[in-house]
Amino acid sequence: MNCDKPLTIRLPESELEILKAYCRQESRTQTEVIREHIRNLKKKIKTHIDD
């Protein structure tokens, strides 16, 4: 069973182009990059959220 939840975001064209360029450079998907950055945010939360 897939427990992933969809997320829709709006970005200015300039930020979307940055994301696309980074993904091409690293040969990664936008989903992979965004998930990694969200996981890194967990380290910055004072009260950690359980996995």
N, C-alpha and C. Protein backbone atom coordinates (compact mmCIF):
# COMPACT_ATOMS: atom_id res chain seq x y z
N MET A 1 0.84 -1.18 0.00
CA MET A 1 0.00 0.00 0.00
C MET A 1 0.89 1.25 0.00
N ASN A 2 0.56 2.19 -0.83
CA ASN A 2 1.31 3.44 -0.95
C ASN A 2 0.77 4.45 0.04
N CYS A 3 1.60 4.90 0.96
CA CYS A 3 1.14 5.87 1.95
C CYS A 3 1.60 7.29 1.61
N ASP A 4 2.23 7.48 0.46
CA ASP A 4 2.65 8.82 0.05
C ASP A 4 1.44 9.69 -0.22
N LYS A 5 1.54 10.95 0.15
CA LYS A 5 0.45 11.91 -0.06
C LYS A 5 0.90 12.92 -1.12
N PRO A 6 0.03 13.25 -2.05
CA PRO A 6 0.39 14.24 -3.06
C PRO A 6 0.48 15.64 -2.46
N LEU A 7 1.33 16.46 -3.03
CA LEU A 7 1.50 17.84 -2.61
C LEU A 7 1.63 18.70 -3.86
N THR A 8 0.85 19.74 -3.92
CA THR A 8 0.92 20.69 -5.03
C THR A 8 1.43 22.00 -4.49
N ILE A 9 2.43 22.56 -5.15
CA ILE A 9 2.97 23.86 -4.73
C ILE A 9 3.01 24.79 -5.93
N ARG A 10 3.01 26.07 -5.63
CA ARG A 10 3.15 27.10 -6.67
C ARG A 10 4.50 27.77 -6.47
N LEU A 11 5.23 27.90 -7.57
CA LEU A 11 6.54 28.54 -7.53
C LEU A 11 6.62 29.60 -8.61
N PRO A 12 7.34 30.66 -8.34
CA PRO A 12 7.63 31.59 -9.43
C PRO A 12 8.45 30.86 -10.51
N GLU A 13 8.31 31.27 -11.72
CA GLU A 13 9.03 30.63 -12.83
C GLU A 13 10.53 30.57 -12.56
N SER A 14 11.08 31.62 -11.98
CA SER A 14 12.53 31.66 -11.72
C SER A 14 12.95 30.56 -10.74
N GLU A 15 12.15 30.30 -9.70
CA GLU A 15 12.49 29.25 -8.74
C GLU A 15 12.30 27.87 -9.35
N LEU A 16 11.30 27.70 -10.17
CA LEU A 16 11.10 26.43 -10.86
C LEU A 16 12.28 26.12 -11.77
N GLU A 17 12.78 27.13 -12.46
CA GLU A 17 13.94 26.93 -13.34
C GLU A 17 15.18 26.54 -12.54
N ILE A 18 15.34 27.12 -11.36
CA ILE A 18 16.46 26.74 -10.49
C ILE A 18 16.34 25.27 -10.10
N LEU A 19 15.15 24.87 -9.70
CA LEU A 19 14.92 23.47 -9.31
C LEU A 19 15.20 22.54 -10.48
N LYS A 20 14.68 22.87 -11.65
CA LYS A 20 14.90 22.03 -12.83
C LYS A 20 16.37 21.92 -13.19
N ALA A 21 17.09 23.04 -13.13
CA ALA A 21 18.52 23.04 -13.46
C ALA A 21 19.29 22.17 -12.47
N TYR A 22 18.96 22.30 -11.20
CA TYR A 22 19.64 21.49 -10.17
C TYR A 22 19.37 20.00 -10.40
N CYS A 23 18.12 19.68 -10.70
CA CYS A 23 17.75 18.28 -10.93
C CYS A 23 18.48 17.70 -12.14
N ARG A 24 18.58 18.48 -13.20
CA ARG A 24 19.33 18.02 -14.39
C ARG A 24 20.79 17.81 -14.03
N GLN A 25 21.38 18.76 -13.33
CA GLN A 25 22.79 18.70 -12.96
C GLN A 25 23.09 17.46 -12.10
N GLU A 26 22.19 17.14 -11.18
CA GLU A 26 22.40 16.03 -10.25
C GLU A 26 21.77 14.72 -10.73
N SER A 27 21.10 14.75 -11.88
CA SER A 27 20.39 13.58 -12.42
C SER A 27 19.43 13.00 -11.39
N ARG A 28 18.63 13.89 -10.80
CA ARG A 28 17.65 13.50 -9.79
C ARG A 28 16.31 14.09 -10.16
N THR A 29 15.25 13.50 -9.62
CA THR A 29 13.92 14.02 -9.88
C THR A 29 13.62 15.18 -8.93
N GLN A 30 12.63 15.97 -9.30
CA GLN A 30 12.20 17.07 -8.43
C GLN A 30 11.70 16.51 -7.10
N THR A 31 11.00 15.41 -7.15
CA THR A 31 10.49 14.78 -5.93
C THR A 31 11.63 14.39 -5.00
N GLU A 32 12.67 13.78 -5.54
CA GLU A 32 13.81 13.38 -4.71
C GLU A 32 14.45 14.58 -4.03
N VAL A 33 14.65 15.64 -4.78
CA VAL A 33 15.31 16.83 -4.24
C VAL A 33 14.44 17.49 -3.16
N ILE A 34 13.17 17.63 -3.42
CA ILE A 34 12.27 18.26 -2.45
C ILE A 34 12.16 17.41 -1.19
N ARG A 35 12.05 16.10 -1.35
CA ARG A 35 11.99 15.22 -0.17
C ARG A 35 13.25 15.35 0.68
N GLU A 36 14.40 15.39 0.04
CA GLU A 36 15.65 15.53 0.78
C GLU A 36 15.67 16.83 1.58
N HIS A 37 15.23 17.90 0.97
CA HIS A 37 15.23 19.19 1.67
C HIS A 37 14.23 19.19 2.83
N ILE A 38 13.11 18.55 2.65
CA ILE A 38 12.13 18.45 3.75
C ILE A 38 12.73 17.64 4.90
N ARG A 39 13.40 16.54 4.58
CA ARG A 39 14.03 15.73 5.63
C ARG A 39 15.08 16.54 6.38
N ASN A 40 15.80 17.38 5.68
CA ASN A 40 16.80 18.23 6.33
C ASN A 40 16.16 19.26 7.25
N LEU A 41 14.95 19.67 6.94
CA LEU A 41 14.24 20.60 7.81
C LEU A 41 13.96 19.99 9.18
N LYS A 42 13.78 18.68 9.21
CA LYS A 42 13.49 17.99 10.47
C LYS A 42 14.59 18.26 11.49
N LYS A 43 15.83 18.35 11.03
CA LYS A 43 16.96 18.60 11.92
C LYS A 43 16.89 19.98 12.56
N LYS A 44 16.18 20.89 11.92
CA LYS A 44 16.09 22.27 12.40
C LYS A 44 14.91 22.51 13.33
N ILE A 45 14.03 21.52 13.44
CA ILE A 45 12.86 21.65 14.31
C ILE A 45 13.28 21.35 15.73
N LYS A 46 12.98 22.24 16.65
CA LYS A 46 13.41 22.06 18.04
C LYS A 46 12.77 20.84 18.67
N THR A 47 11.50 20.62 18.45
CA THR A 47 10.82 19.43 18.92
C THR A 47 10.66 18.51 17.73
N HIS A 48 11.49 17.48 17.67
CA HIS A 48 11.50 16.60 16.50
C HIS A 48 10.18 15.85 16.34
N ILE A 49 9.81 15.67 15.09
CA ILE A 49 8.61 14.91 14.73
C ILE A 49 9.05 13.47 14.52
N ASP A 50 8.31 12.53 15.10
CA ASP A 50 8.63 11.11 14.91
C ASP A 50 8.38 10.70 13.47
N ASP A 51 9.16 9.73 13.01
CA ASP A 51 8.99 9.22 11.63
C ASP A 51 7.75 8.40 11.51
